C-alpha atoms as a PDB file:
ATOM      1  CA  UNK A   1      -2.700 -37.763  16.094  1.00  0.00           C
ATOM      2  CA  UNK A   2      -6.729 -36.899  14.428  1.00  0.00           C
ATOM      3  CA  UNK A   3      -6.571 -39.268  11.450  1.00  0.00           C
ATOM      4  CA  UNK A   4      -6.915 -37.371   7.987  1.00  0.00           C
ATOM      5  CA  UNK A   5     -10.456 -38.612   7.669  1.00  0.00           C
ATOM      6  CA  UNK A   6     -11.338 -36.622  10.648  1.00  0.00           C
ATOM      7  CA  UNK A   7      -9.918 -32.949   9.048  1.00  0.00           C
ATOM      8  CA  UNK A   8     -11.585 -33.639   6.711  1.00  0.00           C
ATOM      9  CA  UNK A   9     -14.804 -33.543   8.236  1.00  0.00           C
ATOM     10  CA  UNK A  10     -13.504 -30.555  10.247  1.00  0.00           C
ATOM     11  CA  UNK A  11     -12.714 -28.539   7.027  1.00  0.00           C
ATOM     12  CA  UNK A  12     -15.996 -29.439   5.541  1.00  0.00           C
ATOM     13  CA  UNK A  13     -17.874 -27.958   8.600  1.00  0.00           C
ATOM     14  CA  UNK A  14     -15.980 -25.100   8.203  1.00  0.00           C
ATOM     15  CA  UNK A  15     -16.296 -25.025   4.697  1.00  0.00           C
ATOM     16  CA  UNK A  16     -20.225 -25.006   5.498  1.00  0.00           C
ATOM     17  CA  UNK A  17     -20.282 -22.747   8.143  1.00  0.00           C
ATOM     18  CA  UNK A  18     -18.527 -19.667   6.086  1.00  0.00           C
ATOM     19  CA  UNK A  19     -20.857 -20.907   3.035  1.00  0.00           C
ATOM     20  CA  UNK A  20     -24.321 -20.537   5.442  1.00  0.00           C
ATOM     21  CA  UNK A  21     -22.651 -17.122   6.977  1.00  0.00           C
ATOM     22  CA  UNK A  22     -22.342 -15.437   3.328  1.00  0.00           C
ATOM     23  CA  UNK A  23     -25.014 -16.810   2.410  1.00  0.00           C
ATOM     24  CA  UNK A  24     -27.094 -15.623   5.237  1.00  0.00           C
ATOM     25  CA  UNK A  25     -24.917 -12.405   5.154  1.00  0.00           C
ATOM     26  CA  UNK A  26     -26.843 -12.016   1.638  1.00  0.00           C
ATOM     27  CA  UNK A  27     -30.039 -12.586   2.294  1.00  0.00           C
ATOM     28  CA  UNK A  28     -29.944  -9.567   5.463  1.00  0.00           C
ATOM     29  CA  UNK A  29     -29.322  -7.765   2.381  1.00  0.00           C
ATOM     30  CA  UNK A  30     -31.577  -8.600  -0.076  1.00  0.00           C
ATOM     31  CA  UNK A  31     -34.158  -8.467   2.640  1.00  0.00           C
ATOM     32  CA  UNK A  32     -32.622  -4.711   3.863  1.00  0.00           C
ATOM     33  CA  UNK A  33     -32.926  -3.777   0.585  1.00  0.00           C
ATOM     34  CA  UNK A  34     -36.494  -4.750  -0.284  1.00  0.00           C
ATOM     35  CA  UNK A  35     -37.733  -3.368   3.388  1.00  0.00           C
ATOM     36  CA  UNK A  36     -36.200  -0.278   2.388  1.00  0.00           C
ATOM     37  CA  UNK A  37     -37.486   0.262  -1.511  1.00  0.00           C
ATOM     38  CA  UNK A  38     -40.883  -0.261   0.018  1.00  0.00           C
ATOM     39  CA  UNK A  39     -40.622   2.167   2.963  1.00  0.00           C
ATOM     40  CA  UNK A  40     -39.151   4.802  -0.172  1.00  0.00           C
ATOM     41  CA  UNK A  41     -41.681   4.115  -2.232  1.00  0.00           C
ATOM     42  CA  UNK A  42     -44.350   4.903  -0.037  1.00  0.00           C
ATOM     43  CA  UNK A  43     -42.752   8.484   1.520  1.00  0.00           C
ATOM     44  CA  UNK A  44     -42.286   9.067  -2.275  1.00  0.00           C
ATOM     45  CA  UNK A  45     -46.175   8.204  -2.832  1.00  0.00           C
ATOM     46  CA  UNK A  46     -47.370   9.923   0.126  1.00  0.00           C
ATOM     47  CA  UNK A  47     -45.346  12.908   0.566  1.00  0.00           C
ATOM     48  CA  UNK A  48     -43.316  13.650  -2.707  1.00  0.00           C
ATOM     49  CA  UNK A  49     -46.553  13.802  -5.340  1.00  0.00           C
ATOM     50  CA  UNK A  50     -47.222  17.253  -7.057  1.00  0.00           C
ATOM     51  CA  UNK A  51     -51.054  16.742  -7.403  1.00  0.00           C
ATOM     52  CA  UNK A  52     -53.000  20.260  -6.697  1.00  0.00           C
ATOM     53  CA  UNK A  53     -53.522  19.402  -2.907  1.00  0.00           C
ATOM     54  CA  UNK A  54     -49.569  19.934  -2.271  1.00  0.00           C
ATOM     55  CA  UNK A  55     -49.356  23.742  -4.719  1.00  0.00           C
ATOM     56  CA  UNK A  56     -51.910  25.700  -2.255  1.00  0.00           C
ATOM     57  CA  UNK A  57     -49.170  25.251  -0.082  1.00  0.00           C
ATOM     58  CA  UNK A  58     -46.749  27.076  -2.722  1.00  0.00           C
ATOM     59  CA  UNK A  59     -49.503  29.431  -3.901  1.00  0.00           C
ATOM     60  CA  UNK A  60     -49.467  31.364  -0.528  1.00  0.00           C
ATOM     61  CA  UNK A  61     -47.002  32.047  -0.603  1.00  0.00           C
ATOM     62  CA  UNK A  62     -46.472  33.696  -3.985  1.00  0.00           C
ATOM     63  CA  UNK A  63     -50.148  35.195  -3.529  1.00  0.00           C
ATOM     64  CA  UNK A  64     -49.675  39.125  -2.242  1.00  0.00           C
ATOM     65  CA  UNK A  65     -50.252  39.639   1.304  1.00  0.00           C
ATOM     66  CA  UNK A  66     -52.499  43.210   2.266  1.00  0.00           C
ATOM     67  CA  UNK A  67     -50.235  44.912   5.499  1.00  0.00           C
ATOM     68  CA  UNK A  68     -50.859  48.451   6.797  1.00  0.00           C
ATOM     69  CA  UNK A  69     -47.946  50.806   7.291  1.00  0.00           C
ATOM     70  CA  UNK A  70     -48.213  53.803   9.827  1.00  0.00           C
ATOM     71  CA  UNK A  71     -46.021  56.174   8.136  1.00  0.00           C
ATOM     72  CA  UNK A  72     -46.728  59.334   9.143  1.00  0.00           C
ATOM     73  CA  UNK A  73     -49.479  58.253  11.944  1.00  0.00           C
ATOM     74  CA  UNK A  74     -52.277  60.706  12.717  1.00  0.00           C
ATOM     75  CA  UNK A  75     -51.289  64.226  14.716  1.00  0.00           C
ATOM     76  CA  UNK A  76     -47.822  64.280  13.219  1.00  0.00           C
ATOM     77  CA  UNK A  77     -48.609  67.519  10.742  1.00  0.00           C
ATOM     78  CA  UNK A  78     -45.299  67.104   8.500  1.00  0.00           C
ATOM     79  CA  UNK A  79     -45.247  70.361   6.271  1.00  0.00           C
ATOM     80  CA  UNK A  80     -43.796  70.129   2.320  1.00  0.00           C
ATOM     81  CA  UNK A  81     -43.211  73.339   0.984  1.00  0.00           C
ATOM     82  CA  UNK A  82     -45.042  73.762  -2.535  1.00  0.00           C
ATOM     83  CA  UNK A  83     -43.445  74.832  -5.952  1.00  0.00           C
ATOM     84  CA  UNK A  84     -42.528  78.739  -5.285  1.00  0.00           C
ATOM     85  CA  UNK A  85     -41.872  78.185  -1.842  1.00  0.00           C
ATOM     86  CA  UNK A  86     -44.944  80.066  -1.154  1.00  0.00           C
ATOM     87  CA  UNK A  87     -47.525  77.221   0.030  1.00  0.00           C
ATOM     88  CA  UNK A  88     -46.895  74.238   2.154  1.00  0.00           C
ATOM     89  CA  UNK A  89     -49.358  71.012   2.217  1.00  0.00           C
ATOM     90  CA  UNK A  90     -49.762  70.037   5.607  1.00  0.00           C
ATOM     91  CA  UNK A  91     -50.020  65.877   6.106  1.00  0.00           C
ATOM     92  CA  UNK A  92     -51.719  65.179   9.572  1.00  0.00           C
ATOM     93  CA  UNK A  93     -51.720  61.334   8.187  1.00  0.00           C
ATOM     94  CA  UNK A  94     -49.577  58.870   5.566  1.00  0.00           C
ATOM     95  CA  UNK A  95     -49.904  54.556   5.532  1.00  0.00           C
ATOM     96  CA  UNK A  96     -49.366  52.407   2.585  1.00  0.00           C
ATOM     97  CA  UNK A  97     -51.053  49.203   1.928  1.00  0.00           C
ATOM     98  CA  UNK A  98     -47.756  46.919   1.403  1.00  0.00           C
ATOM     99  CA  UNK A  99     -48.261  43.117  -0.344  1.00  0.00           C
ATOM    100  CA  UNK A 100     -45.283  41.443   1.602  1.00  0.00           C
ATOM    101  CA  UNK A 101     -43.167  41.532   4.575  1.00  0.00           C
ATOM    102  CA  UNK A 102     -40.355  42.960   2.968  1.00  0.00           C
ATOM    103  CA  UNK A 103     -41.890  45.405   1.617  1.00  0.00           C
ATOM    104  CA  UNK A 104     -42.991  46.825   5.211  1.00  0.00           C
ATOM    105  CA  UNK A 105     -39.365  45.968   6.675  1.00  0.00           C
ATOM    106  CA  UNK A 106     -38.141  48.478   3.534  1.00  0.00           C
ATOM    107  CA  UNK A 107     -40.477  51.053   3.644  1.00  0.00           C
ATOM    108  CA  UNK A 108     -39.030  51.148   8.121  1.00  0.00           C
ATOM    109  CA  UNK A 109     -35.477  51.079   6.432  1.00  0.00           C
ATOM    110  CA  UNK A 110     -35.309  53.727   4.072  1.00  0.00           C
ATOM    111  CA  UNK A 111     -37.917  56.172   6.129  1.00  0.00           C
ATOM    112  CA  UNK A 112     -35.220  59.284   5.126  1.00  0.00           C
ATOM    113  CA  UNK A 113     -34.718  58.578   1.939  1.00  0.00           C
ATOM    114  CA  UNK A 114     -38.703  58.110   1.242  1.00  0.00           C
ATOM    115  CA  UNK A 115     -39.036  61.625   3.099  1.00  0.00           C
ATOM    116  CA  UNK A 116     -37.323  63.598   0.808  1.00  0.00           C
ATOM    117  CA  UNK A 117     -38.241  62.330  -1.699  1.00  0.00           C
ATOM    118  CA  UNK A 118     -41.964  62.946  -1.005  1.00  0.00           C
ATOM    119  CA  UNK A 119     -40.120  66.683  -0.271  1.00  0.00           C
ATOM    120  CA  UNK A 120     -38.893  66.648  -3.982  1.00  0.00           C
ATOM    121  CA  UNK A 121     -42.476  65.305  -4.843  1.00  0.00           C
ATOM    122  CA  UNK A 122     -44.348  67.819  -3.385  1.00  0.00           C
ATOM    123  CA  UNK A 123     -42.027  70.721  -4.404  1.00  0.00           C
ATOM    124  CA  UNK A 124     -42.873  70.325  -8.105  1.00  0.00           C
ATOM    125  CA  UNK A 125     -47.157  70.590  -7.194  1.00  0.00           C
ATOM    126  CA  UNK A 126     -49.049  73.914  -6.864  1.00  0.00           C
ATOM    127  CA  UNK A 127     -51.604  73.673  -4.366  1.00  0.00           C
ATOM    128  CA  UNK A 128     -54.836  73.687  -7.133  1.00  0.00           C
ATOM    129  CA  UNK A 129     -52.929  70.871  -8.368  1.00  0.00           C
ATOM    130  CA  UNK A 130     -53.648  69.284  -4.934  1.00  0.00           C
ATOM    131  CA  UNK A 131     -57.111  70.597  -4.814  1.00  0.00           C
ATOM    132  CA  UNK A 132     -59.400  68.961  -7.061  1.00  0.00           C
ATOM    133  CA  UNK A 133     -60.207  64.707  -7.078  1.00  0.00           C
ATOM    134  CA  UNK A 134     -57.801  64.193  -9.814  1.00  0.00           C
ATOM    135  CA  UNK A 135     -55.162  65.551  -8.724  1.00  0.00           C
ATOM    136  CA  UNK A 136     -55.531  63.778  -5.616  1.00  0.00           C
ATOM    137  CA  UNK A 137     -55.812  60.558  -7.137  1.00  0.00           C
ATOM    138  CA  UNK A 138     -52.086  61.559  -9.027  1.00  0.00           C
ATOM    139  CA  UNK A 139     -49.962  63.049  -6.139  1.00  0.00           C
ATOM    140  CA  UNK A 140     -51.420  59.339  -5.052  1.00  0.00           C
ATOM    141  CA  UNK A 141     -50.042  57.222  -7.719  1.00  0.00           C
ATOM    142  CA  UNK A 142     -46.593  59.307  -7.535  1.00  0.00           C
ATOM    143  CA  UNK A 143     -46.333  58.210  -4.242  1.00  0.00           C
ATOM    144  CA  UNK A 144     -47.106  54.745  -4.144  1.00  0.00           C
ATOM    145  CA  UNK A 145     -44.639  54.363  -7.034  1.00  0.00           C
ATOM    146  CA  UNK A 146     -41.798  56.803  -5.755  1.00  0.00           C
ATOM    147  CA  UNK A 147     -42.263  54.191  -2.479  1.00  0.00           C
ATOM    148  CA  UNK A 148     -41.832  51.188  -5.022  1.00  0.00           C
ATOM    149  CA  UNK A 149     -38.895  52.506  -6.331  1.00  0.00           C
ATOM    150  CA  UNK A 150     -36.905  53.153  -2.781  1.00  0.00           C
ATOM    151  CA  UNK A 151     -38.059  50.011  -2.394  1.00  0.00           C
ATOM    152  CA  UNK A 152     -36.584  48.179  -4.730  1.00  0.00           C
ATOM    153  CA  UNK A 153     -40.637  47.193  -5.821  1.00  0.00           C
ATOM    154  CA  UNK A 154     -39.933  47.374  -9.781  1.00  0.00           C
ATOM    155  CA  UNK A 155     -40.896  45.943 -12.368  1.00  0.00           C
ATOM    156  CA  UNK A 156     -42.016  42.357 -11.734  1.00  0.00           C
ATOM    157  CA  UNK A 157     -41.569  42.911  -7.861  1.00  0.00           C
ATOM    158  CA  UNK A 158     -44.257  45.662  -8.287  1.00  0.00           C
ATOM    159  CA  UNK A 159     -47.032  43.815  -7.099  1.00  0.00           C
ATOM    160  CA  UNK A 160     -45.321  43.037  -3.453  1.00  0.00           C
ATOM    161  CA  UNK A 161     -44.915  46.526  -2.961  1.00  0.00           C
ATOM    162  CA  UNK A 162     -46.824  49.511  -2.143  1.00  0.00           C
ATOM    163  CA  UNK A 163     -50.406  48.746  -3.810  1.00  0.00           C
ATOM    164  CA  UNK A 164     -52.566  51.329  -2.015  1.00  0.00           C
ATOM    165  CA  UNK A 165     -51.693  54.835  -0.690  1.00  0.00           C
ATOM    166  CA  UNK A 166     -54.102  56.824   2.344  1.00  0.00           C
ATOM    167  CA  UNK A 167     -52.687  60.798   3.238  1.00  0.00           C
ATOM    168  CA  UNK A 168     -55.044  63.586   5.021  1.00  0.00           C
ATOM    169  CA  UNK A 169     -54.226  66.856   3.026  1.00  0.00           C
ATOM    170  CA  UNK A 170     -55.007  68.849   6.803  1.00  0.00           C
ATOM    171  CA  UNK A 171     -54.094  72.395   5.296  1.00  0.00           C
ATOM    172  CA  UNK A 172     -52.567  74.173   2.403  1.00  0.00           C
ATOM    173  CA  UNK A 173     -51.535  77.230   3.757  1.00  0.00           C
ATOM    174  CA  UNK A 174     -48.880  80.308   2.776  1.00  0.00           C
ATOM    175  CA  UNK A 175     -45.688  80.560   4.131  1.00  0.00           C
ATOM    176  CA  UNK A 176     -44.873  84.429   5.238  1.00  0.00           C
END
């Protein structure tokens, strides 16, 4: 049988082993935390700072683009009735410059509504209004506003909608 002194020595060895394992675990945890804190600090400094170098990326996404949208392509010769119903204006081409992809997609989705609103716009015009520079500029602004309204680009969003309108009047003729 083992003597009491030997039992005490075995218990002391077991206590020392348990203490060493506990201390080793604490040391490993502390070292791991220190390394993770150092890496996190480094990544935050390199990737997460708000200096002007990183803000250029967000500035470009907020800057309006310049995308050409052909609404009525050349050769279509789309007639629109003018005021009184005795004359028509024939548009050979109508295109827009838009400032966002979402505006371009909205124009494609709402083509029927835009065409209907264009007819409503032209039915209020007389041929003399389309024959001078001021009248053409007015109709250009009205078409821009009409398309922006239909596509939802009004108010602050207007800068991402239609920015310019181009059209070619093929003829203004009377209807028999």
